[in-house]
Structure formats: C-alpha cells, structure tokens
Amino acid sequence: MSDLVNPRKKPKFRRWLSQTYKRLSESWRKPRGIHSKIRVRRKGKIKMPSIGWGAPKSLRGLHPSGFKEVVIYSMKDLEKINPEKEAIKISHTVGKKKRGEIVKRANELKIKVLNP
C-alpha cells in the first residue's frame, strides 16, 4: 500500500485574516473583494484551492493508511472484505458485545479495523 501514498504536500487552505480575528473560523471562504490580492493570486500571498491541488484518481476516497474504507454492520459482512486493499469501520449502531466479536474475528482474518 505504500506506493499509493501521495508524496505531494498541500498547503492548509485557511480563510484570509482568520489568524487575525477570533470571530472568523479557519475554514476556507473564497475572497471576493475587488482589490483582493489573494483573489488575483498575487505572489507571496496565501494559496487558494483550485483543481490543480486535487489528488490523483487512484488515491481519491482512500483512508490516509492507503486502504479503502468499508462500513461493517454484522459478522457476515466480514467475509466479503479483501484484507490487502480494504479496511473496516464498524458502524456506530453496533453494540459493545457484537463490536468485540467483530474485532476479534477481524484480527483472525488479518483485517485492519479503523475504529476498534
């Protein structure tokens, strides 16, 4: 799975002036001012997200570990998993007792559990 890890670094796309004003969250908002240097993409200013920053198609939708995430609801669902390419997430609706059984069985089958 290590060959699928994206070697490129992406900047943290933070909202303009969010570090200055406490009331502004860091989540990205597009600058719309007519004099905005960021909107015009001037050199030395913060980076704006664009299509060019996207991940390759082979990496999209993967967990950072490189596995494809699959949600599991019961023990039956474990049999359909490919341990080399897929990792499981146990549904939040599964209780404590069943969750323990699923984790135990997943370890026997050498399946990675993302939320044990």
PDB file of N, CA and C in Angstrom:
ATOM      1  N   MET A   1       0.807  -1.206   0.000  1.00  0.00           N
ATOM      2  CA  MET A   1       0.000   0.000   0.000  1.00  0.00           C
ATOM      3  C   MET A   1       0.852   1.274   0.000  1.00  0.00           C
ATOM      4  N   SER A   2       2.125   1.176   0.352  1.00  0.00           N
ATOM      5  CA  SER A   2       2.948   2.373   0.473  1.00  0.00           C
ATOM      6  C   SER A   2       3.151   3.086  -0.864  1.00  0.00           C
ATOM      7  N   ASP A   3       3.003   2.368  -1.994  1.00  0.00           N
ATOM      8  CA  ASP A   3       3.195   3.004  -3.296  1.00  0.00           C
ATOM      9  C   ASP A   3       2.031   3.935  -3.643  1.00  0.00           C
ATOM     10  N   LEU A   4       0.901   3.814  -2.923  1.00  0.00           N
ATOM     11  CA  LEU A   4      -0.245   4.672  -3.193  1.00  0.00           C
ATOM     12  C   LEU A   4      -0.230   5.974  -2.396  1.00  0.00           C
ATOM     13  N   VAL A   5       0.669   6.078  -1.431  1.00  0.00           N
ATOM     14  CA  VAL A   5       0.695   7.274  -0.578  1.00  0.00           C
ATOM     15  C   VAL A   5       1.126   8.475  -1.406  1.00  0.00           C
ATOM     16  N   ASN A   6       0.392   9.574  -1.268  1.00  0.00           N
ATOM     17  CA  ASN A   6       0.649  10.776  -2.049  1.00  0.00           C
ATOM     18  C   ASN A   6       1.880  11.515  -1.520  1.00  0.00           C
ATOM     19  N   PRO A   7       2.947  11.664  -2.320  1.00  0.00           N
ATOM     20  CA  PRO A   7       4.150  12.326  -1.836  1.00  0.00           C
ATOM     21  C   PRO A   7       4.041  13.854  -1.825  1.00  0.00           C
ATOM     22  N   ARG A   8       3.050  14.406  -2.572  1.00  0.00           N
ATOM     23  CA  ARG A   8       2.951  15.861  -2.646  1.00  0.00           C
ATOM     24  C   ARG A   8       2.410  16.443  -1.346  1.00  0.00           C
ATOM     25  N   LYS A   9       2.869  17.647  -1.027  1.00  0.00           N
ATOM     26  CA  LYS A   9       2.367  18.357   0.143  1.00  0.00           C
ATOM     27  C   LYS A   9       1.373  19.406  -0.326  1.00  0.00           C
ATOM     28  N   LYS A  10       0.250  19.499   0.384  1.00  0.00           N
ATOM     29  CA  LYS A  10      -0.734  20.528   0.082  1.00  0.00           C
ATOM     30  C   LYS A  10      -0.696  21.567   1.190  1.00  0.00           C
ATOM     31  N   PRO A  11      -0.818  22.850   0.863  1.00  0.00           N
ATOM     32  CA  PRO A  11      -0.878  23.845   1.945  1.00  0.00           C
ATOM     33  C   PRO A  11      -2.210  23.742   2.674  1.00  0.00           C
ATOM     34  N   LYS A  12      -2.240  24.202   3.917  1.00  0.00           N
ATOM     35  CA  LYS A  12      -3.501  24.287   4.652  1.00  0.00           C
ATOM     36  C   LYS A  12      -4.229  25.496   4.076  1.00  0.00           C
ATOM     37  N   PHE A  13      -5.379  25.264   3.466  1.00  0.00           N
ATOM     38  CA  PHE A  13      -6.127  26.379   2.893  1.00  0.00           C
ATOM     39  C   PHE A  13      -6.952  27.010   4.003  1.00  0.00           C
ATOM     40  N   ARG A  14      -6.434  28.111   4.537  1.00  0.00           N
ATOM     41  CA  ARG A  14      -7.103  28.793   5.643  1.00  0.00           C
ATOM     42  C   ARG A  14      -7.753  30.062   5.142  1.00  0.00           C
ATOM     43  N   ARG A  15      -8.824  30.456   5.800  1.00  0.00           N
ATOM     44  CA  ARG A  15      -9.535  31.685   5.432  1.00  0.00           C
ATOM     45  C   ARG A  15      -8.653  32.907   5.683  1.00  0.00           C
ATOM     46  N   TRP A  16      -8.701  33.847   4.770  1.00  0.00           N
ATOM     47  CA  TRP A  16      -7.944  35.088   4.878  1.00  0.00           C
ATOM     48  C   TRP A  16      -8.332  35.841   6.139  1.00  0.00           C
ATOM     49  N   LEU A  17      -7.342  36.282   6.902  1.00  0.00           N
ATOM     50  CA  LEU A  17      -7.479  37.029   8.153  1.00  0.00           C
ATOM     51  C   LEU A  17      -8.102  36.230   9.301  1.00  0.00           C
ATOM     52  N   SER A  18      -8.210  34.903   9.166  1.00  0.00           N
ATOM     53  CA  SER A  18      -8.753  34.096  10.269  1.00  0.00           C
ATOM     54  C   SER A  18      -7.782  34.062  11.447  1.00  0.00           C
ATOM     55  N   GLN A  19      -6.484  34.261  11.169  1.00  0.00           N
ATOM     56  CA  GLN A  19      -5.500  34.285  12.252  1.00  0.00           C
ATOM     57  C   GLN A  19      -5.547  35.615  13.002  1.00  0.00           C
ATOM     58  N   THR A  20      -6.124  36.658  12.390  1.00  0.00           N
ATOM     59  CA  THR A  20      -6.176  37.988  12.992  1.00  0.00           C
ATOM     60  C   THR A  20      -7.427  38.171  13.854  1.00  0.00           C
ATOM     61  N   TYR A  21      -8.567  37.692  13.341  1.00  0.00           N
ATOM     62  CA  TYR A  21      -9.832  37.884  14.042  1.00  0.00           C
ATOM     63  C   TYR A  21     -10.323  36.569  14.640  1.00  0.00           C
ATOM     64  N   LYS A  22     -10.594  36.590  15.935  1.00  0.00           N
ATOM     65  CA  LYS A  22     -11.026  35.385  16.632  1.00  0.00           C
ATOM     66  C   LYS A  22     -12.395  34.912  16.144  1.00  0.00           C
ATOM     67  N   ARG A  23     -13.233  35.856  15.707  1.00  0.00           N
ATOM     68  CA  ARG A  23     -14.600  35.509  15.302  1.00  0.00           C
ATOM     69  C   ARG A  23     -14.662  34.782  13.960  1.00  0.00           C
ATOM     70  N   LEU A  24     -13.572  34.812  13.185  1.00  0.00           N
ATOM     71  CA  LEU A  24     -13.543  34.123  11.897  1.00  0.00           C
ATOM     72  C   LEU A  24     -12.986  32.723  12.071  1.00  0.00           C
ATOM     73  N   SER A  25     -13.713  31.733  11.549  1.00  0.00           N
ATOM     74  CA  SER A  25     -13.201  30.363  11.623  1.00  0.00           C
ATOM     75  C   SER A  25     -12.124  30.175  10.555  1.00  0.00           C
ATOM     76  N   GLU A  26     -11.320  29.115  10.692  1.00  0.00           N
ATOM     77  CA  GLU A  26     -10.236  28.871   9.745  1.00  0.00           C
ATOM     78  C   GLU A  26     -10.726  28.234   8.455  1.00  0.00           C
ATOM     79  N   SER A  27     -11.982  27.773   8.409  1.00  0.00           N
ATOM     80  CA  SER A  27     -12.468  27.065   7.225  1.00  0.00           C
ATOM     81  C   SER A  27     -12.465  28.010   6.017  1.00  0.00           C
ATOM     82  N   TRP A  28     -12.112  27.469   4.874  1.00  0.00           N
ATOM     83  CA  TRP A  28     -11.883  28.265   3.677  1.00  0.00           C
ATOM     84  C   TRP A  28     -13.137  28.982   3.200  1.00  0.00           C
ATOM     85  N   ARG A  29     -12.986  30.255   2.879  1.00  0.00           N
ATOM     86  CA  ARG A  29     -14.010  31.050   2.198  1.00  0.00           C
ATOM     87  C   ARG A  29     -13.315  31.779   1.072  1.00  0.00           C
ATOM     88  N   LYS A  30     -13.912  31.782  -0.101  1.00  0.00           N
ATOM     89  CA  LYS A  30     -13.297  32.413  -1.266  1.00  0.00           C
ATOM     90  C   LYS A  30     -13.293  33.928  -1.100  1.00  0.00           C
ATOM     91  N   PRO A  31     -12.132  34.587  -1.307  1.00  0.00           N
ATOM     92  CA  PRO A  31     -12.091  36.043  -1.224  1.00  0.00           C
ATOM     93  C   PRO A  31     -12.808  36.656  -2.429  1.00  0.00           C
ATOM     94  N   ARG A  32     -13.691  37.609  -2.181  1.00  0.00           N
ATOM     95  CA  ARG A  32     -14.493  38.183  -3.265  1.00  0.00           C
ATOM     96  C   ARG A  32     -14.304  39.693  -3.454  1.00  0.00           C
ATOM     97  N   GLY A  33     -13.419  40.287  -2.666  1.00  0.00           N
ATOM     98  CA  GLY A  33     -13.208  41.730  -2.777  1.00  0.00           C
ATOM     99  C   GLY A  33     -12.555  42.122  -4.095  1.00  0.00           C
ATOM    100  N   ILE A  34     -12.917  43.300  -4.621  1.00  0.00           N
ATOM    101  CA  ILE A  34     -12.389  43.694  -5.931  1.00  0.00           C
ATOM    102  C   ILE A  34     -10.905  44.047  -5.875  1.00  0.00           C
ATOM    103  N   HIS A  35     -10.397  44.423  -4.686  1.00  0.00           N
ATOM    104  CA  HIS A  35      -8.980  44.763  -4.551  1.00  0.00           C
ATOM    105  C   HIS A  35      -8.178  43.627  -3.917  1.00  0.00           C
ATOM    106  N   SER A  36      -8.779  42.473  -3.739  1.00  0.00           N
ATOM    107  CA  SER A  36      -8.139  41.380  -3.012  1.00  0.00           C
ATOM    108  C   SER A  36      -6.943  40.797  -3.773  1.00  0.00           C
ATOM    109  N   LYS A  37      -5.791  40.808  -3.110  1.00  0.00           N
ATOM    110  CA  LYS A  37      -4.580  40.262  -3.727  1.00  0.00           C
ATOM    111  C   LYS A  37      -4.643  38.735  -3.790  1.00  0.00           C
ATOM    112  N   ILE A  38      -5.363  38.119  -2.860  1.00  0.00           N
ATOM    113  CA  ILE A  38      -5.470  36.658  -2.853  1.00  0.00           C
ATOM    114  C   ILE A  38      -6.341  36.182  -4.000  1.00  0.00           C
ATOM    115  N   ARG A  39      -7.448  36.898  -4.243  1.00  0.00           N
ATOM    116  CA  ARG A  39      -8.351  36.522  -5.329  1.00  0.00           C
ATOM    117  C   ARG A  39      -7.626  36.565  -6.677  1.00  0.00           C
ATOM    118  N   VAL A  40      -6.724  37.548  -6.830  1.00  0.00           N
ATOM    119  CA  VAL A  40      -5.975  37.715  -8.068  1.00  0.00           C
ATOM    120  C   VAL A  40      -4.752  36.788  -8.098  1.00  0.00           C
ATOM    121  N   ARG A  41      -4.504  36.072  -7.015  1.00  0.00           N
ATOM    122  CA  ARG A  41      -3.400  35.108  -6.869  1.00  0.00           C
ATOM    123  C   ARG A  41      -2.029  35.758  -7.007  1.00  0.00           C
ATOM    124  N   ARG A  42      -1.818  36.823  -6.240  1.00  0.00           N
ATOM    125  CA  ARG A  42      -0.530  37.504  -6.247  1.00  0.00           C
ATOM    126  C   ARG A  42       0.516  36.653  -5.547  1.00  0.00           C
ATOM    127  N   LYS A  43       1.758  36.774  -6.015  1.00  0.00           N
ATOM    128  CA  LYS A  43       2.857  36.024  -5.424  1.00  0.00           C
ATOM    129  C   LYS A  43       3.069  36.453  -3.975  1.00  0.00           C
ATOM    130  N   GLY A  44       3.366  35.497  -3.089  1.00  0.00           N
ATOM    131  CA  GLY A  44       3.650  35.818  -1.699  1.00  0.00           C
ATOM    132  C   GLY A  44       2.428  35.825  -0.800  1.00  0.00           C
ATOM    133  N   LYS A  45       1.252  35.741  -1.369  1.00  0.00           N
ATOM    134  CA  LYS A  45       0.018  35.712  -0.571  1.00  0.00           C
ATOM    135  C   LYS A  45      -0.385  34.258  -0.316  1.00  0.00           C
ATOM    136  N   ILE A  46      -1.423  34.057   0.502  1.00  0.00           N
ATOM    137  CA  ILE A  46      -1.836  32.684   0.811  1.00  0.00           C
ATOM    138  C   ILE A  46      -2.383  31.989  -0.430  1.00  0.00           C
ATOM    139  N   LYS A  47      -2.248  30.685  -0.479  1.00  0.00           N
ATOM    140  CA  LYS A  47      -2.678  29.895  -1.638  1.00  0.00           C
ATOM    141  C   LYS A  47      -4.190  29.709  -1.625  1.00  0.00           C
ATOM    142  N   MET A  48      -4.764  29.702  -2.834  1.00  0.00           N
ATOM    143  CA  MET A  48      -6.188  29.430  -2.989  1.00  0.00           C
ATOM    144  C   MET A  48      -6.371  28.020  -3.504  1.00  0.00           C
ATOM    145  N   PRO A  49      -7.384  27.296  -3.027  1.00  0.00           N
ATOM    146  CA  PRO A  49      -7.617  25.965  -3.569  1.00  0.00           C
ATOM    147  C   PRO A  49      -8.065  26.048  -5.020  1.00  0.00           C
ATOM    148  N   SER A  50      -7.610  25.094  -5.827  1.00  0.00           N
ATOM    149  CA  SER A  50      -8.029  25.014  -7.216  1.00  0.00           C
ATOM    150  C   SER A  50      -7.952  23.559  -7.656  1.00  0.00           C
ATOM    151  N   ILE A  51      -8.402  23.267  -8.848  1.00  0.00           N
ATOM    152  CA  ILE A  51      -8.470  21.900  -9.353  1.00  0.00           C
ATOM    153  C   ILE A  51      -7.092  21.245  -9.402  1.00  0.00           C
ATOM    154  N   GLY A  52      -6.053  22.040  -9.571  1.00  0.00           N
ATOM    155  CA  GLY A  52      -4.696  21.502  -9.661  1.00  0.00           C
ATOM    156  C   GLY A  52      -4.177  20.877  -8.382  1.00  0.00           C
ATOM    157  N   TRP A  53      -4.770  21.215  -7.226  1.00  0.00           N
ATOM    158  CA  TRP A  53      -4.334  20.659  -5.952  1.00  0.00           C
ATOM    159  C   TRP A  53      -4.949  19.288  -5.681  1.00  0.00           C
ATOM    160  N   GLY A  54      -5.851  18.823  -6.540  1.00  0.00           N
ATOM    161  CA  GLY A  54      -6.547  17.556  -6.300  1.00  0.00           C
ATOM    162  C   GLY A  54      -5.606  16.361  -6.302  1.00  0.00           C
ATOM    163  N   ALA A  55      -6.025  15.308  -5.604  1.00  0.00           N
ATOM    164  CA  ALA A  55      -5.241  14.078  -5.543  1.00  0.00           C
ATOM    165  C   ALA A  55      -5.446  13.271  -6.821  1.00  0.00           C
ATOM    166  N   PRO A  56      -4.514  12.397  -7.174  1.00  0.00           N
ATOM    167  CA  PRO A  56      -4.705  11.528  -8.325  1.00  0.00           C
ATOM    168  C   PRO A  56      -5.938  10.634  -8.142  1.00  0.00           C
ATOM    169  N   LYS A  57      -6.531  10.207  -9.250  1.00  0.00           N
ATOM    170  CA  LYS A  57      -7.765   9.435  -9.202  1.00  0.00           C
ATOM    171  C   LYS A  57      -7.604   8.154  -8.389  1.00  0.00           C
ATOM    172  N   SER A  58      -6.416   7.551  -8.452  1.00  0.00           N
ATOM    173  CA  SER A  58      -6.187   6.297  -7.732  1.00  0.00           C
ATOM    174  C   SER A  58      -6.179   6.480  -6.213  1.00  0.00           C
ATOM    175  N   LEU A  59      -5.954   7.703  -5.736  1.00  0.00           N
ATOM    176  CA  LEU A  59      -5.869   7.955  -4.299  1.00  0.00           C
ATOM    177  C   LEU A  59      -7.156   8.528  -3.702  1.00  0.00           C
ATOM    178  N   ARG A  60      -8.075   8.995  -4.548  1.00  0.00           N
ATOM    179  CA  ARG A  60      -9.272   9.654  -4.037  1.00  0.00           C
ATOM    180  C   ARG A  60     -10.157   8.708  -3.245  1.00  0.00           C
ATOM    181  N   GLY A  61     -10.640   9.150  -2.101  1.00  0.00           N
ATOM    182  CA  GLY A  61     -11.557   8.357  -1.298  1.00  0.00           C
ATOM    183  C   GLY A  61     -10.887   7.315  -0.429  1.00  0.00           C
ATOM    184  N   LEU A  62      -9.558   7.294  -0.388  1.00  0.00           N
ATOM    185  CA  LEU A  62      -8.856   6.325   0.437  1.00  0.00           C
ATOM    186  C   LEU A  62      -8.587   6.888   1.824  1.00  0.00           C
ATOM    187  N   HIS A  63      -8.491   6.000   2.799  1.00  0.00           N
ATOM    188  CA  HIS A  63      -8.088   6.371   4.152  1.00  0.00           C
ATOM    189  C   HIS A  63      -6.612   6.755   4.099  1.00  0.00           C
ATOM    190  N   PRO A  64      -6.129   7.638   4.990  1.00  0.00           N
ATOM    191  CA  PRO A  64      -4.706   8.001   4.967  1.00  0.00           C
ATOM    192  C   PRO A  64      -3.751   6.808   5.056  1.00  0.00           C
ATOM    193  N   SER A  65      -4.217   5.683   5.598  1.00  0.00           N
ATOM    194  CA  SER A  65      -3.371   4.488   5.670  1.00  0.00           C
ATOM    195  C   SER A  65      -3.220   3.812   4.307  1.00  0.00           C
ATOM    196  N   GLY A  66      -4.016   4.213   3.314  1.00  0.00           N
ATOM    197  CA  GLY A  66      -3.926   3.645   1.978  1.00  0.00           C
ATOM    198  C   GLY A  66      -4.978   2.590   1.680  1.00  0.00           C
ATOM    199  N   PHE A  67      -5.808   2.272   2.684  1.00  0.00           N
ATOM    200  CA  PHE A  67      -6.864   1.283   2.492  1.00  0.00           C
ATOM    201  C   PHE A  67      -8.179   1.946   2.115  1.00  0.00           C
ATOM    202  N   LYS A  68      -9.033   1.183   1.423  1.00  0.00           N
ATOM    203  CA  LYS A  68     -10.390   1.653   1.133  1.00  0.00           C
ATOM    204  C   LYS A  68     -11.248   1.351   2.361  1.00  0.00           C
ATOM    205  N   GLU A  69     -12.048   2.319   2.797  1.00  0.00           N
ATOM    206  CA  GLU A  69     -12.888   2.137   3.986  1.00  0.00           C
ATOM    207  C   GLU A  69     -14.185   1.435   3.627  1.00  0.00           C
ATOM    208  N   VAL A  70     -14.558   0.429   4.434  1.00  0.00           N
ATOM    209  CA  VAL A  70     -15.814  -0.274   4.258  1.00  0.00           C
ATOM    210  C   VAL A  70     -16.517  -0.317   5.606  1.00  0.00           C
ATOM    211  N   VAL A  71     -17.793   0.080   5.638  1.00  0.00           N
ATOM    212  CA  VAL A  71     -18.556   0.067   6.885  1.00  0.00           C
ATOM    213  C   VAL A  71     -19.155  -1.317   7.087  1.00  0.00           C
ATOM    214  N   ILE A  72     -18.993  -1.845   8.309  1.00  0.00           N
ATOM    215  CA  ILE A  72     -19.442  -3.192   8.663  1.00  0.00           C
ATOM    216  C   ILE A  72     -20.600  -3.086   9.653  1.00  0.00           C
ATOM    217  N   TYR A  73     -21.633  -3.887   9.419  1.00  0.00           N
ATOM    218  CA  TYR A  73     -22.784  -3.902  10.313  1.00  0.00           C
ATOM    219  C   TYR A  73     -22.925  -5.226  11.064  1.00  0.00           C
ATOM    220  N   SER A  74     -22.370  -6.322  10.494  1.00  0.00           N
ATOM    221  CA  SER A  74     -22.516  -7.635  11.130  1.00  0.00           C
ATOM    222  C   SER A  74     -21.313  -8.513  10.806  1.00  0.00           C
ATOM    223  N   MET A  75     -21.296  -9.702  11.404  1.00  0.00           N
ATOM    224  CA  MET A  75     -20.211 -10.656  11.178  1.00  0.00           C
ATOM    225  C   MET A  75     -20.200 -11.140   9.724  1.00  0.00           C
ATOM    226  N   LYS A  76     -21.382 -11.227   9.109  1.00  0.00           N
ATOM    227  CA  LYS A  76     -21.483 -11.700   7.719  1.00  0.00           C
ATOM    228  C   LYS A  76     -20.706 -10.791   6.762  1.00  0.00           C
ATOM    229  N   ASP A  77     -20.723  -9.495   7.057  1.00  0.00           N
ATOM    230  CA  ASP A  77     -20.059  -8.532   6.171  1.00  0.00           C
ATOM    231  C   ASP A  77     -18.539  -8.731   6.127  1.00  0.00           C
ATOM    232  N   LEU A  78     -17.966  -9.334   7.182  1.00  0.00           N
ATOM    233  CA  LEU A  78     -16.513  -9.539   7.238  1.00  0.00           C
ATOM    234  C   LEU A  78     -16.012 -10.474   6.147  1.00  0.00           C
ATOM    235  N   GLU A  79     -16.851 -11.409   5.731  1.00  0.00           N
ATOM    236  CA  GLU A  79     -16.424 -12.411   4.753  1.00  0.00           C
ATOM    237  C   GLU A  79     -16.183 -11.799   3.372  1.00  0.00           C
ATOM    238  N   LYS A  80     -16.798 -10.637   3.091  1.00  0.00           N
ATOM    239  CA  LYS A  80     -16.701 -10.012   1.774  1.00  0.00           C
ATOM    240  C   LYS A  80     -15.480  -9.090   1.645  1.00  0.00           C
ATOM    241  N   ILE A  81     -14.687  -8.958   2.709  1.00  0.00           N
ATOM    242  CA  ILE A  81     -13.592  -7.989   2.748  1.00  0.00           C
ATOM    243  C   ILE A  81     -12.305  -8.580   2.172  1.00  0.00           C
ATOM    244  N   ASN A  82     -11.598  -7.778   1.376  1.00  0.00           N
ATOM    245  CA  ASN A  82     -10.278  -8.134   0.865  1.00  0.00           C
ATOM    246  C   ASN A  82      -9.235  -7.465   1.770  1.00  0.00           C
ATOM    247  N   PRO A  83      -8.527  -8.232   2.625  1.00  0.00           N
ATOM    248  CA  PRO A  83      -7.615  -7.637   3.618  1.00  0.00           C
ATOM    249  C   PRO A  83      -6.442  -6.857   3.025  1.00  0.00           C
ATOM    250  N   GLU A  84      -6.068  -7.131   1.767  1.00  0.00           N
ATOM    251  CA  GLU A  84      -4.939  -6.411   1.175  1.00  0.00           C
ATOM    252  C   GLU A  84      -5.313  -4.986   0.772  1.00  0.00           C
ATOM    253  N   LYS A  85      -6.585  -4.776   0.372  1.00  0.00           N
ATOM    254  CA  LYS A  85      -6.972  -3.467  -0.159  1.00  0.00           C
ATOM    255  C   LYS A  85      -7.974  -2.723   0.709  1.00  0.00           C
ATOM    256  N   GLU A  86      -8.693  -3.419   1.586  1.00  0.00           N
ATOM    257  CA  GLU A  86      -9.781  -2.794   2.335  1.00  0.00           C
ATOM    258  C   GLU A  86      -9.563  -2.879   3.838  1.00  0.00           C
ATOM    259  N   ALA A  87     -10.013  -1.838   4.532  1.00  0.00           N
ATOM    260  CA  ALA A  87     -10.024  -1.800   5.996  1.00  0.00           C
ATOM    261  C   ALA A  87     -11.465  -1.556   6.418  1.00  0.00           C
ATOM    262  N   ILE A  88     -11.817  -1.987   7.624  1.00  0.00           N
ATOM    263  CA  ILE A  88     -13.222  -1.858   8.043  1.00  0.00           C
ATOM    264  C   ILE A  88     -13.409  -0.783   9.096  1.00  0.00           C
ATOM    265  N   LYS A  89     -14.596  -0.206   9.064  1.00  0.00           N
ATOM    266  CA  LYS A  89     -15.080   0.670  10.120  1.00  0.00           C
ATOM    267  C   LYS A  89     -16.356   0.025  10.616  1.00  0.00           C
ATOM    268  N   ILE A  90     -16.463  -0.161  11.929  1.00  0.00           N
ATOM    269  CA  ILE A  90     -17.657  -0.770  12.494  1.00  0.00           C
ATOM    270  C   ILE A  90     -18.703   0.325  12.662  1.00  0.00           C
ATOM    271  N   SER A  91     -19.916   0.049  12.219  1.00  0.00           N
ATOM    272  CA  SER A  91     -20.998   1.029  12.282  1.00  0.00           C
ATOM    273  C   SER A  91     -21.260   1.465  13.717  1.00  0.00           C
ATOM    274  N   HIS A  92     -21.690   2.693  13.895  1.00  0.00           N
ATOM    275  CA  HIS A  92     -21.956   3.200  15.246  1.00  0.00           C
ATOM    276  C   HIS A  92     -23.198   2.559  15.857  1.00  0.00           C
ATOM    277  N   THR A  93     -24.009   1.904  15.045  1.00  0.00           N
ATOM    278  CA  THR A  93     -25.210   1.266  15.572  1.00  0.00           C
ATOM    279  C   THR A  93     -24.932  -0.107  16.182  1.00  0.00           C
ATOM    280  N   VAL A  94     -23.700  -0.629  15.996  1.00  0.00           N
ATOM    281  CA  VAL A  94     -23.335  -1.935  16.549  1.00  0.00           C
ATOM    282  C   VAL A  94     -23.004  -1.771  18.022  1.00  0.00           C
ATOM    283  N   GLY A  95     -23.557  -2.663  18.850  1.00  0.00           N
ATOM    284  CA  GLY A  95     -23.353  -2.598  20.301  1.00  0.00           C
ATOM    285  C   GLY A  95     -21.985  -3.089  20.729  1.00  0.00           C
ATOM    286  N   LYS A  96     -21.720  -2.963  22.042  1.00  0.00           N
ATOM    287  CA  LYS A  96     -20.414  -3.272  22.603  1.00  0.00           C
ATOM    288  C   LYS A  96     -20.060  -4.761  22.454  1.00  0.00           C
ATOM    289  N   LYS A  97     -21.022  -5.632  22.709  1.00  0.00           N
ATOM    290  CA  LYS A  97     -20.763  -7.074  22.663  1.00  0.00           C
ATOM    291  C   LYS A  97     -20.443  -7.537  21.239  1.00  0.00           C
ATOM    292  N   LYS A  98     -21.289  -7.141  20.276  1.00  0.00           N
ATOM    293  CA  LYS A  98     -21.064  -7.519  18.876  1.00  0.00           C
ATOM    294  C   LYS A  98     -19.782  -6.894  18.341  1.00  0.00           C
ATOM    295  N   ARG A  99     -19.498  -5.666  18.759  1.00  0.00           N
ATOM    296  CA  ARG A  99     -18.291  -4.967  18.317  1.00  0.00           C
ATOM    297  C   ARG A  99     -17.047  -5.757  18.728  1.00  0.00           C
ATOM    298  N   GLY A 100     -17.049  -6.263  19.963  1.00  0.00           N
ATOM    299  CA  GLY A 100     -15.926  -7.066  20.452  1.00  0.00           C
ATOM    300  C   GLY A 100     -15.737  -8.324  19.624  1.00  0.00           C
ATOM    301  N   GLU A 101     -16.856  -8.975  19.279  1.00  0.00           N
ATOM    302  CA  GLU A 101     -16.795 -10.186  18.462  1.00  0.00           C
ATOM    303  C   GLU A 101     -16.259  -9.881  17.058  1.00  0.00           C
ATOM    304  N   ILE A 102     -16.703  -8.772  16.489  1.00  0.00           N
ATOM    305  CA  ILE A 102     -16.256  -8.387  15.143  1.00  0.00           C
ATOM    306  C   ILE A 102     -14.757  -8.088  15.135  1.00  0.00           C
ATOM    307  N   VAL A 103     -14.277  -7.367  16.157  1.00  0.00           N
ATOM    308  CA  VAL A 103     -12.846  -7.026  16.238  1.00  0.00           C
ATOM    309  C   VAL A 103     -12.013  -8.303  16.374  1.00  0.00           C
ATOM    310  N   LYS A 104     -12.495  -9.225  17.205  1.00  0.00           N
ATOM    311  CA  LYS A 104     -11.783 -10.488  17.420  1.00  0.00           C
ATOM    312  C   LYS A 104     -11.683 -11.289  16.107  1.00  0.00           C
ATOM    313  N   ARG A 105     -12.801 -11.379  15.384  1.00  0.00           N
ATOM    314  CA  ARG A 105     -12.839 -12.121  14.116  1.00  0.00           C
ATOM    315  C   ARG A 105     -11.985 -11.424  13.044  1.00  0.00           C
ATOM    316  N   ALA A 106     -12.004 -10.094  13.045  1.00  0.00           N
ATOM    317  CA  ALA A 106     -11.208  -9.328  12.073  1.00  0.00           C
ATOM    318  C   ALA A 106      -9.718  -9.566  12.300  1.00  0.00           C
ATOM    319  N   ASN A 107      -9.306  -9.656  13.558  1.00  0.00           N
ATOM    320  CA  ASN A 107      -7.897  -9.932  13.862  1.00  0.00           C
ATOM    321  C   ASN A 107      -7.495 -11.314  13.364  1.00  0.00           C
ATOM    322  N   GLU A 108      -8.403 -12.302  13.487  1.00  0.00           N
ATOM    323  CA  GLU A 108      -8.128 -13.650  12.983  1.00  0.00           C
ATOM    324  C   GLU A 108      -7.952 -13.634  11.461  1.00  0.00           C
ATOM    325  N   LEU A 109      -8.792 -12.833  10.783  1.00  0.00           N
ATOM    326  CA  LEU A 109      -8.734 -12.751   9.322  1.00  0.00           C
ATOM    327  C   LEU A 109      -7.682 -11.751   8.833  1.00  0.00           C
ATOM    328  N   LYS A 110      -6.957 -11.113   9.777  1.00  0.00           N
ATOM    329  CA  LYS A 110      -5.924 -10.106   9.477  1.00  0.00           C
ATOM    330  C   LYS A 110      -6.499  -8.922   8.684  1.00  0.00           C
ATOM    331  N   ILE A 111      -7.663  -8.444   9.142  1.00  0.00           N
ATOM    332  CA  ILE A 111      -8.299  -7.265   8.546  1.00  0.00           C
ATOM    333  C   ILE A 111      -8.064  -6.082   9.469  1.00  0.00           C
ATOM    334  N   LYS A 112      -7.653  -4.954   8.891  1.00  0.00           N
ATOM    335  CA  LYS A 112      -7.411  -3.748   9.697  1.00  0.00           C
ATOM    336  C   LYS A 112      -8.734  -3.118  10.108  1.00  0.00           C
ATOM    337  N   VAL A 113      -8.857  -2.818  11.426  1.00  0.00           N
ATOM    338  CA  VAL A 113     -10.064  -2.173  11.961  1.00  0.00           C
ATOM    339  C   VAL A 113      -9.707  -0.718  12.264  1.00  0.00           C
ATOM    340  N   LEU A 114     -10.411   0.225  11.640  1.00  0.00           N
ATOM    341  CA  LEU A 114     -10.089   1.650  11.782  1.00  0.00           C
ATOM    342  C   LEU A 114     -10.661   2.253  13.063  1.00  0.00           C
ATOM    343  N   ASN A 115     -11.730   1.644  13.613  1.00  0.00           N
ATOM    344  CA  ASN A 115     -12.299   2.176  14.843  1.00  0.00           C
ATOM    345  C   ASN A 115     -12.645   1.061  15.840  1.00  0.00           C
ATOM    346  N   PRO A 116     -11.605   0.404  16.396  1.00  0.00           N
ATOM    347  CA  PRO A 116     -11.893  -0.695  17.321  1.00  0.00           C
ATOM    348  C   PRO A 116     -12.455  -0.156  18.617  1.00  0.00           C
TER     349      PRO A 116
END
